[in-house]
N, C-alpha and C. Protein backbone atom coordinates (compact mmCIF):
# COMPACT_ATOMS: atom_id res chain seq x y z
N MET A 1 44.93 -9.38 -93.80
CA MET A 1 44.70 -7.75 -94.35
C MET A 1 46.23 -7.21 -93.18
N SER A 2 46.67 -6.25 -94.24
CA SER A 2 47.86 -5.54 -93.65
C SER A 2 47.75 -4.84 -92.37
N THR A 3 48.95 -4.63 -91.66
CA THR A 3 48.91 -3.74 -90.66
C THR A 3 49.04 -2.22 -90.99
N PRO A 4 48.28 -1.30 -90.56
CA PRO A 4 48.71 0.21 -91.10
C PRO A 4 49.89 0.99 -90.73
N THR A 5 49.96 1.68 -91.48
CA THR A 5 51.26 2.29 -91.12
C THR A 5 51.39 3.31 -89.80
N VAL A 6 52.13 3.24 -89.34
CA VAL A 6 51.83 4.34 -88.08
C VAL A 6 53.13 5.55 -88.09
N LEU A 7 52.14 6.40 -88.34
CA LEU A 7 53.22 7.61 -88.67
C LEU A 7 53.39 8.73 -87.27
N PRO A 8 54.49 8.99 -86.98
CA PRO A 8 54.40 10.01 -85.90
C PRO A 8 53.44 11.25 -85.84
N LEU A 9 52.79 11.56 -84.77
CA LEU A 9 51.59 12.35 -84.93
C LEU A 9 51.82 13.57 -85.36
N ASN A 10 53.39 14.38 -85.21
CA ASN A 10 53.23 15.79 -85.94
C ASN A 10 53.29 15.22 -87.24
N ASP A 11 54.08 14.23 -87.89
CA ASP A 11 53.94 14.08 -89.39
C ASP A 11 52.37 14.15 -90.12
N THR A 12 51.81 13.29 -89.16
CA THR A 12 50.37 13.06 -89.75
C THR A 12 49.45 14.51 -89.20
N VAL A 13 49.74 15.13 -88.45
CA VAL A 13 49.01 16.61 -88.40
C VAL A 13 49.93 17.52 -89.54
N ALA A 14 51.01 17.35 -89.42
CA ALA A 14 51.47 18.55 -90.33
C ALA A 14 50.91 18.54 -91.62
N CYS A 15 50.72 17.16 -92.12
CA CYS A 15 50.04 17.19 -93.66
C CYS A 15 48.58 17.81 -93.90
N CYS A 16 48.15 18.10 -92.55
CA CYS A 16 46.32 18.31 -92.56
C CYS A 16 46.08 19.56 -91.89
N ALA A 17 47.26 20.67 -91.52
CA ALA A 17 46.73 21.63 -90.50
C ALA A 17 46.38 22.84 -91.65
N PRO A 18 45.37 23.60 -91.27
CA PRO A 18 44.25 23.33 -90.35
C PRO A 18 43.23 22.60 -91.53
N LEU A 19 42.14 21.89 -90.78
CA LEU A 19 41.33 21.28 -91.69
C LEU A 19 40.43 21.79 -92.89
N THR A 20 40.09 23.35 -92.15
CA THR A 20 39.38 23.85 -93.00
C THR A 20 39.94 24.72 -94.26
N ARG A 21 41.36 24.50 -94.60
CA ARG A 21 42.13 25.21 -95.37
C ARG A 21 42.15 24.95 -96.66
N GLN A 22 42.15 23.41 -96.84
CA GLN A 22 41.88 22.73 -98.21
C GLN A 22 41.40 21.45 -97.83
N PRO A 23 40.54 20.71 -98.68
CA PRO A 23 40.13 19.23 -98.80
C PRO A 23 41.47 18.30 -98.35
N LEU A 24 41.27 17.20 -97.51
CA LEU A 24 42.13 16.29 -97.24
C LEU A 24 42.00 15.25 -98.37
N ASP A 25 43.04 14.91 -98.81
CA ASP A 25 42.89 13.66 -99.81
C ASP A 25 42.91 12.16 -98.74
N ALA A 26 42.64 11.25 -99.58
CA ALA A 26 42.33 9.89 -99.07
C ALA A 26 43.11 9.56 -97.65
N VAL A 27 44.32 9.71 -98.26
CA VAL A 27 45.53 9.26 -96.95
C VAL A 27 45.91 10.11 -95.79
N GLN A 28 45.40 11.23 -95.98
CA GLN A 28 45.41 12.25 -94.93
C GLN A 28 44.23 12.35 -94.30
N ALA A 29 42.94 11.97 -94.80
CA ALA A 29 41.98 11.65 -93.97
C ALA A 29 42.06 10.37 -93.29
N ALA A 30 42.54 9.14 -93.92
CA ALA A 30 42.73 8.14 -93.02
C ALA A 30 43.57 8.34 -91.59
N ASP A 31 44.50 8.94 -92.06
CA ASP A 31 45.97 9.19 -90.99
C ASP A 31 44.81 10.00 -89.73
N LEU A 32 44.25 10.83 -90.14
CA LEU A 32 43.67 11.79 -89.27
C LEU A 32 42.51 11.18 -88.66
N ALA A 33 41.65 10.24 -89.10
CA ALA A 33 40.32 9.51 -88.31
C ALA A 33 41.33 8.64 -87.73
N ARG A 34 42.37 7.88 -87.83
CA ARG A 34 43.25 6.92 -86.91
C ARG A 34 43.39 7.53 -85.56
N LEU A 35 43.93 9.06 -85.74
CA LEU A 35 44.39 9.38 -84.57
C LEU A 35 42.99 10.02 -83.98
N LEU A 36 42.12 10.57 -84.34
CA LEU A 36 40.62 10.58 -83.70
C LEU A 36 40.18 9.73 -83.21
N LYS A 37 40.23 8.59 -83.81
CA LYS A 37 39.79 7.06 -83.26
C LYS A 37 40.59 6.46 -82.02
N ALA A 38 42.00 6.86 -81.97
CA ALA A 38 42.64 6.78 -80.87
C ALA A 38 42.08 7.63 -79.58
N ILE A 39 41.68 8.69 -79.29
CA ILE A 39 41.44 9.36 -78.38
C ILE A 39 39.86 9.49 -78.53
N ALA A 40 39.02 8.78 -79.19
CA ALA A 40 37.24 8.44 -79.29
C ALA A 40 36.82 7.57 -78.54
N ASP A 41 37.46 7.60 -77.41
CA ASP A 41 37.07 6.41 -76.50
C ASP A 41 37.26 7.08 -75.12
N PRO A 42 36.25 7.01 -74.37
CA PRO A 42 36.14 7.50 -72.83
C PRO A 42 37.41 7.11 -71.97
N THR A 43 37.50 5.40 -72.22
CA THR A 43 38.79 5.38 -71.13
C THR A 43 40.02 5.83 -71.51
N ARG A 44 40.49 6.18 -73.00
CA ARG A 44 41.47 6.50 -73.13
C ARG A 44 42.02 7.98 -73.25
N LEU A 45 40.57 8.72 -73.36
CA LEU A 45 40.46 10.14 -72.65
C LEU A 45 40.51 10.01 -71.31
N ARG A 46 40.17 9.46 -70.36
CA ARG A 46 40.65 9.35 -68.98
C ARG A 46 41.93 8.99 -68.61
N LEU A 47 42.53 8.22 -69.51
CA LEU A 47 44.04 7.63 -69.58
C LEU A 47 45.08 9.12 -69.70
N LEU A 48 44.56 9.69 -70.71
CA LEU A 48 45.42 10.86 -71.08
C LEU A 48 45.44 11.94 -70.34
N SER A 49 44.29 11.94 -69.60
CA SER A 49 44.21 13.00 -68.67
C SER A 49 44.81 12.73 -67.59
N ILE A 50 44.93 11.24 -67.19
CA ILE A 50 45.44 11.33 -65.81
C ILE A 50 47.12 11.43 -65.91
N VAL A 51 47.49 10.69 -67.16
CA VAL A 51 48.88 11.06 -67.70
C VAL A 51 49.06 12.54 -67.42
N ALA A 52 48.89 13.06 -68.25
CA ALA A 52 48.63 14.56 -68.43
C ALA A 52 49.03 15.33 -67.10
N ALA A 53 48.11 15.22 -65.99
CA ALA A 53 47.60 15.89 -64.87
C ALA A 53 48.74 15.42 -63.87
N SER A 54 49.35 14.17 -64.07
CA SER A 54 50.12 13.62 -62.98
C SER A 54 51.64 14.59 -63.04
N GLU A 55 52.51 14.35 -62.12
CA GLU A 55 53.57 15.01 -62.05
C GLU A 55 54.46 14.54 -62.88
N GLY A 56 55.31 15.63 -63.68
CA GLY A 56 56.10 15.20 -64.56
C GLY A 56 55.38 15.07 -65.94
N HIS A 57 54.15 14.75 -65.83
CA HIS A 57 53.25 14.41 -67.19
C HIS A 57 53.50 12.84 -67.63
N GLU A 58 53.71 12.08 -66.58
CA GLU A 58 53.91 10.64 -66.78
C GLU A 58 53.32 10.20 -65.56
N ALA A 59 53.32 8.84 -66.11
CA ALA A 59 52.39 7.91 -65.02
C ALA A 59 52.76 6.45 -64.96
N CYS A 60 53.03 5.90 -64.06
CA CYS A 60 53.25 4.26 -64.15
C CYS A 60 51.92 3.43 -64.15
N VAL A 61 51.94 2.72 -65.07
CA VAL A 61 50.75 1.70 -65.25
C VAL A 61 50.04 1.03 -64.14
N CYS A 62 50.97 0.84 -63.35
CA CYS A 62 50.44 0.70 -61.58
C CYS A 62 49.53 1.49 -61.35
N ASP A 63 49.65 2.81 -61.61
CA ASP A 63 48.91 3.67 -60.73
C ASP A 63 47.60 4.04 -61.88
N LEU A 64 47.71 3.61 -63.04
CA LEU A 64 46.27 3.69 -63.62
C LEU A 64 44.96 2.66 -63.67
N THR A 65 45.36 1.60 -63.03
CA THR A 65 44.37 0.48 -63.03
C THR A 65 43.10 1.09 -62.08
N GLU A 66 43.87 1.66 -60.96
CA GLU A 66 42.63 1.63 -59.83
C GLU A 66 41.69 2.97 -60.31
N PRO A 67 42.30 4.05 -60.70
CA PRO A 67 41.27 5.33 -61.16
C PRO A 67 40.37 4.76 -62.16
N ILE A 68 40.96 4.14 -63.31
CA ILE A 68 40.11 3.72 -64.19
C ILE A 68 38.82 2.51 -63.99
N GLY A 69 39.44 1.89 -62.99
CA GLY A 69 38.82 0.60 -62.58
C GLY A 69 38.45 -0.96 -63.70
N LEU A 70 39.74 -0.66 -64.53
CA LEU A 70 39.65 -2.11 -65.40
C LEU A 70 41.09 -2.71 -65.11
N SER A 71 41.17 -3.72 -65.54
CA SER A 71 42.27 -4.54 -65.48
C SER A 71 43.60 -4.32 -66.04
N GLN A 72 44.76 -4.89 -65.34
CA GLN A 72 45.77 -4.23 -66.21
C GLN A 72 46.24 -4.58 -67.54
N PRO A 73 45.82 -5.56 -68.12
CA PRO A 73 45.76 -5.99 -69.37
C PRO A 73 44.93 -4.82 -70.57
N THR A 74 43.74 -4.60 -69.76
CA THR A 74 42.80 -3.75 -70.56
C THR A 74 43.56 -2.20 -70.77
N ILE A 75 44.05 -2.18 -69.34
CA ILE A 75 44.70 -0.39 -69.44
C ILE A 75 45.79 -0.70 -70.40
N SER A 76 46.56 -1.65 -70.61
CA SER A 76 47.86 -1.71 -71.46
C SER A 76 47.33 -1.61 -72.71
N HIS A 77 46.28 -2.20 -73.11
CA HIS A 77 46.10 -2.14 -74.30
C HIS A 77 45.70 -0.92 -74.88
N HIS A 78 44.65 0.01 -74.23
CA HIS A 78 44.37 1.21 -74.49
C HIS A 78 45.95 2.17 -74.42
N LEU A 79 46.54 1.99 -73.55
CA LEU A 79 48.26 2.64 -73.95
C LEU A 79 48.83 2.35 -74.85
N LYS A 80 48.55 1.08 -75.25
CA LYS A 80 49.11 0.63 -76.55
C LYS A 80 48.75 1.62 -77.75
N VAL A 81 47.52 1.66 -77.53
CA VAL A 81 46.36 2.33 -79.04
C VAL A 81 47.41 4.04 -78.85
N LEU A 82 47.09 4.38 -77.53
CA LEU A 82 47.68 5.65 -77.79
C LEU A 82 48.91 5.93 -77.61
N MET A 83 49.99 5.00 -77.32
CA MET A 83 51.48 5.08 -77.86
C MET A 83 51.40 4.89 -79.25
N GLU A 84 50.83 3.94 -80.11
CA GLU A 84 50.76 3.99 -81.68
C GLU A 84 50.47 5.05 -82.31
N ALA A 85 49.49 5.89 -81.68
CA ALA A 85 48.79 6.86 -82.28
C ALA A 85 49.63 8.42 -82.29
N GLY A 86 50.99 8.17 -81.32
CA GLY A 86 51.59 9.34 -80.84
C GLY A 86 51.26 9.97 -79.77
N PHE A 87 50.47 9.61 -79.16
CA PHE A 87 50.17 10.49 -78.05
C PHE A 87 50.78 10.40 -76.68
N LEU A 88 51.55 8.83 -76.48
CA LEU A 88 52.13 8.85 -75.24
C LEU A 88 53.46 8.27 -75.68
N THR A 89 54.44 8.18 -74.59
CA THR A 89 55.57 7.35 -75.16
C THR A 89 55.89 6.36 -73.73
N ARG A 90 56.76 5.27 -73.86
CA ARG A 90 56.88 4.24 -72.79
C ARG A 90 57.91 4.18 -72.44
N THR A 91 58.65 4.18 -70.82
CA THR A 91 59.84 3.93 -70.65
C THR A 91 59.68 2.69 -69.60
N LYS A 92 60.68 1.80 -69.63
CA LYS A 92 60.88 0.84 -68.55
C LYS A 92 61.76 1.45 -67.55
N ARG A 93 61.14 1.11 -66.10
CA ARG A 93 62.26 1.28 -64.92
C ARG A 93 61.87 0.16 -64.14
N GLY A 94 62.75 -0.76 -63.94
CA GLY A 94 62.95 -2.42 -63.16
C GLY A 94 61.39 -2.92 -63.93
N THR A 95 60.25 -3.22 -62.72
CA THR A 95 59.41 -4.17 -63.84
C THR A 95 58.12 -3.32 -64.29
N TRP A 96 58.61 -2.14 -64.07
CA TRP A 96 57.22 -1.04 -64.18
C TRP A 96 57.43 -0.43 -65.55
N HIS A 97 56.19 0.02 -66.19
CA HIS A 97 56.45 1.01 -67.38
C HIS A 97 55.51 2.07 -67.04
N TYR A 98 56.43 3.48 -67.65
CA TYR A 98 55.84 4.79 -67.28
C TYR A 98 55.71 5.21 -68.50
N TYR A 99 54.62 5.78 -68.43
CA TYR A 99 53.81 6.52 -69.80
C TYR A 99 53.84 8.03 -69.48
N ALA A 100 54.13 8.51 -70.72
CA ALA A 100 54.43 10.33 -70.29
C ALA A 100 53.81 10.52 -71.75
N LEU A 101 52.97 11.92 -71.78
CA LEU A 101 52.44 12.59 -72.83
C LEU A 101 53.41 12.97 -73.47
N VAL A 102 53.25 12.97 -74.89
CA VAL A 102 54.27 13.64 -75.75
C VAL A 102 54.13 14.78 -75.94
N PRO A 103 54.96 15.59 -75.39
CA PRO A 103 54.90 17.42 -75.59
C PRO A 103 54.33 17.79 -77.19
N GLY A 104 53.11 18.31 -76.74
CA GLY A 104 52.69 19.16 -77.96
C GLY A 104 51.88 18.27 -78.89
N ALA A 105 51.44 16.64 -78.54
CA ALA A 105 50.63 15.97 -79.20
C ALA A 105 49.10 16.60 -79.45
N LEU A 106 48.68 16.93 -78.06
CA LEU A 106 47.38 17.27 -78.11
C LEU A 106 47.37 18.81 -78.91
N ASP A 107 48.19 19.78 -78.55
CA ASP A 107 48.24 20.77 -79.23
C ASP A 107 48.12 20.80 -80.63
N SER A 108 49.14 19.69 -81.15
CA SER A 108 49.28 19.67 -82.73
C SER A 108 47.79 19.31 -83.48
N LEU A 109 47.05 18.40 -82.76
CA LEU A 109 46.14 17.54 -82.84
C LEU A 109 44.62 19.07 -83.10
N ALA A 110 44.86 19.88 -82.00
CA ALA A 110 43.69 20.59 -81.73
C ALA A 110 44.26 21.44 -83.13
N THR A 111 45.28 21.89 -83.58
CA THR A 111 45.70 22.90 -84.39
C THR A 111 45.02 22.55 -85.71
N VAL A 112 44.46 21.29 -86.05
CA VAL A 112 43.96 20.65 -87.43
C VAL A 112 42.63 20.96 -86.99
N LEU A 113 41.90 21.02 -86.14
CA LEU A 113 40.57 21.28 -85.94
C LEU A 113 40.31 22.82 -85.69
N VAL A 114 40.85 23.63 -85.77
CA VAL A 114 40.64 25.09 -85.42
C VAL A 114 40.09 25.54 -86.68
N THR A 115 39.34 26.15 -86.94
CA THR A 115 38.82 26.83 -88.25
C THR A 115 39.71 28.15 -88.59
N ALA A 116 39.98 28.36 -89.64
CA ALA A 116 40.92 29.21 -90.26
C ALA A 116 40.31 30.68 -89.99
């Protein structure tokens, strides 16, 4: 099975805004479904919320395990899914990874879902 192409969130959303303007083609629908699937998980929604509410809209992975109550590898998996979907970025500082909300990522997705 081939790995799906990961498009930047803004490129994916730009092809489809707003959803009610015209029918999506198969590729657009698949791209949008991938984005929605990435956030259609309670843990990922909580992670996005915690990162977005953190100072500077970023958080260390070390600060995310306790509030979520899952192991660090599980948290890292969910963060990877959010990164691949274009909602988060990651930087390394020493031994820790810091995750930041991509500016406008959630706004761009919301634009697709707004009725015209």
